[in-house]
Amino acid sequence: MFEIVNWIIWLILVILWNYCYPYATPFQDVLVAVLLSLLFIFIKKKFN
């Protein structure tokens, strides 16, 4: 259940990024998605 919640939060943050910064380049979109993924991996390791 924890992983599903993390995935949903990650997805919401990526969607918010895309709506708040619609003129971001594809590189910036990928960079933010990767950084958010790394953040959630760190959070997962911290709480396990």
C-alpha atoms as a PDB file:
ATOM      1  CA  MET A   1       0.000   0.000   0.000  1.00  0.00           C
ATOM      2  CA  PHE A   2       2.881   2.346   0.840  1.00  0.00           C
ATOM      3  CA  GLU A   3       4.308   1.986  -2.669  1.00  0.00           C
ATOM      4  CA  ILE A   4       0.976   2.757  -4.315  1.00  0.00           C
ATOM      5  CA  VAL A   5       0.597   5.921  -2.223  1.00  0.00           C
ATOM      6  CA  ASN A   6       4.159   6.957  -3.100  1.00  0.00           C
ATOM      7  CA  TRP A   7       3.505   6.386  -6.784  1.00  0.00           C
ATOM      8  CA  ILE A   8       0.281   8.407  -6.679  1.00  0.00           C
ATOM      9  CA  ILE A   9       2.010  11.290  -4.867  1.00  0.00           C
ATOM     10  CA  TRP A  10       4.869  11.174  -7.391  1.00  0.00           C
ATOM     11  CA  LEU A  11       2.380  11.233 -10.265  1.00  0.00           C
ATOM     12  CA  ILE A  12       0.496  14.188  -8.777  1.00  0.00           C
ATOM     13  CA  LEU A  13       3.748  16.129  -8.330  1.00  0.00           C
ATOM     14  CA  VAL A  14       4.788  15.444 -11.933  1.00  0.00           C
ATOM     15  CA  ILE A  15       1.365  16.564 -13.183  1.00  0.00           C
ATOM     16  CA  LEU A  16       1.548  19.721 -11.042  1.00  0.00           C
ATOM     17  CA  TRP A  17       5.001  20.429 -12.434  1.00  0.00           C
ATOM     18  CA  ASN A  18       3.672  20.145 -15.979  1.00  0.00           C
ATOM     19  CA  TYR A  19       0.731  22.458 -15.296  1.00  0.00           C
ATOM     20  CA  CYS A  20       2.699  25.028 -13.280  1.00  0.00           C
ATOM     21  CA  TYR A  21       5.570  25.148 -15.786  1.00  0.00           C
ATOM     22  CA  PRO A  22       3.989  24.490 -19.188  1.00  0.00           C
ATOM     23  CA  TYR A  23       6.897  26.050 -21.071  1.00  0.00           C
ATOM     24  CA  ALA A  24       9.547  23.834 -19.498  1.00  0.00           C
ATOM     25  CA  THR A  25      11.757  22.042 -21.974  1.00  0.00           C
ATOM     26  CA  PRO A  26      11.540  18.259 -22.340  1.00  0.00           C
ATOM     27  CA  PHE A  27      14.927  18.037 -20.613  1.00  0.00           C
ATOM     28  CA  GLN A  28      13.555  19.908 -17.586  1.00  0.00           C
ATOM     29  CA  ASP A  29      10.494  17.643 -17.508  1.00  0.00           C
ATOM     30  CA  VAL A  30      12.668  14.530 -17.487  1.00  0.00           C
ATOM     31  CA  LEU A  31      15.046  16.039 -14.930  1.00  0.00           C
ATOM     32  CA  VAL A  32      12.237  16.856 -12.505  1.00  0.00           C
ATOM     33  CA  ALA A  33      10.695  13.400 -12.920  1.00  0.00           C
ATOM     34  CA  VAL A  34      14.061  11.745 -12.227  1.00  0.00           C
ATOM     35  CA  LEU A  35      14.731  13.969  -9.203  1.00  0.00           C
ATOM     36  CA  LEU A  36      11.295  13.212  -7.793  1.00  0.00           C
ATOM     37  CA  SER A  37      11.906   9.497  -8.351  1.00  0.00           C
ATOM     38  CA  LEU A  38      15.224   9.690  -6.503  1.00  0.00           C
ATOM     39  CA  LEU A  39      13.559  11.615  -3.680  1.00  0.00           C
ATOM     40  CA  PHE A  40      10.903   8.936  -3.310  1.00  0.00           C
ATOM     41  CA  ILE A  41      13.531   6.173  -3.394  1.00  0.00           C
ATOM     42  CA  PHE A  42      15.344   7.961  -0.571  1.00  0.00           C
ATOM     43  CA  ILE A  43      12.088   8.322   1.396  1.00  0.00           C
ATOM     44  CA  LYS A  44      11.309   4.624   0.858  1.00  0.00           C
ATOM     45  CA  LYS A  45      14.736   3.581   2.173  1.00  0.00           C
ATOM     46  CA  LYS A  46      14.447   5.984   5.106  1.00  0.00           C
ATOM     47  CA  PHE A  47      11.127   4.539   6.297  1.00  0.00           C
ATOM     48  CA  ASN A  48      11.948   0.855   5.709  1.00  0.00           C
END
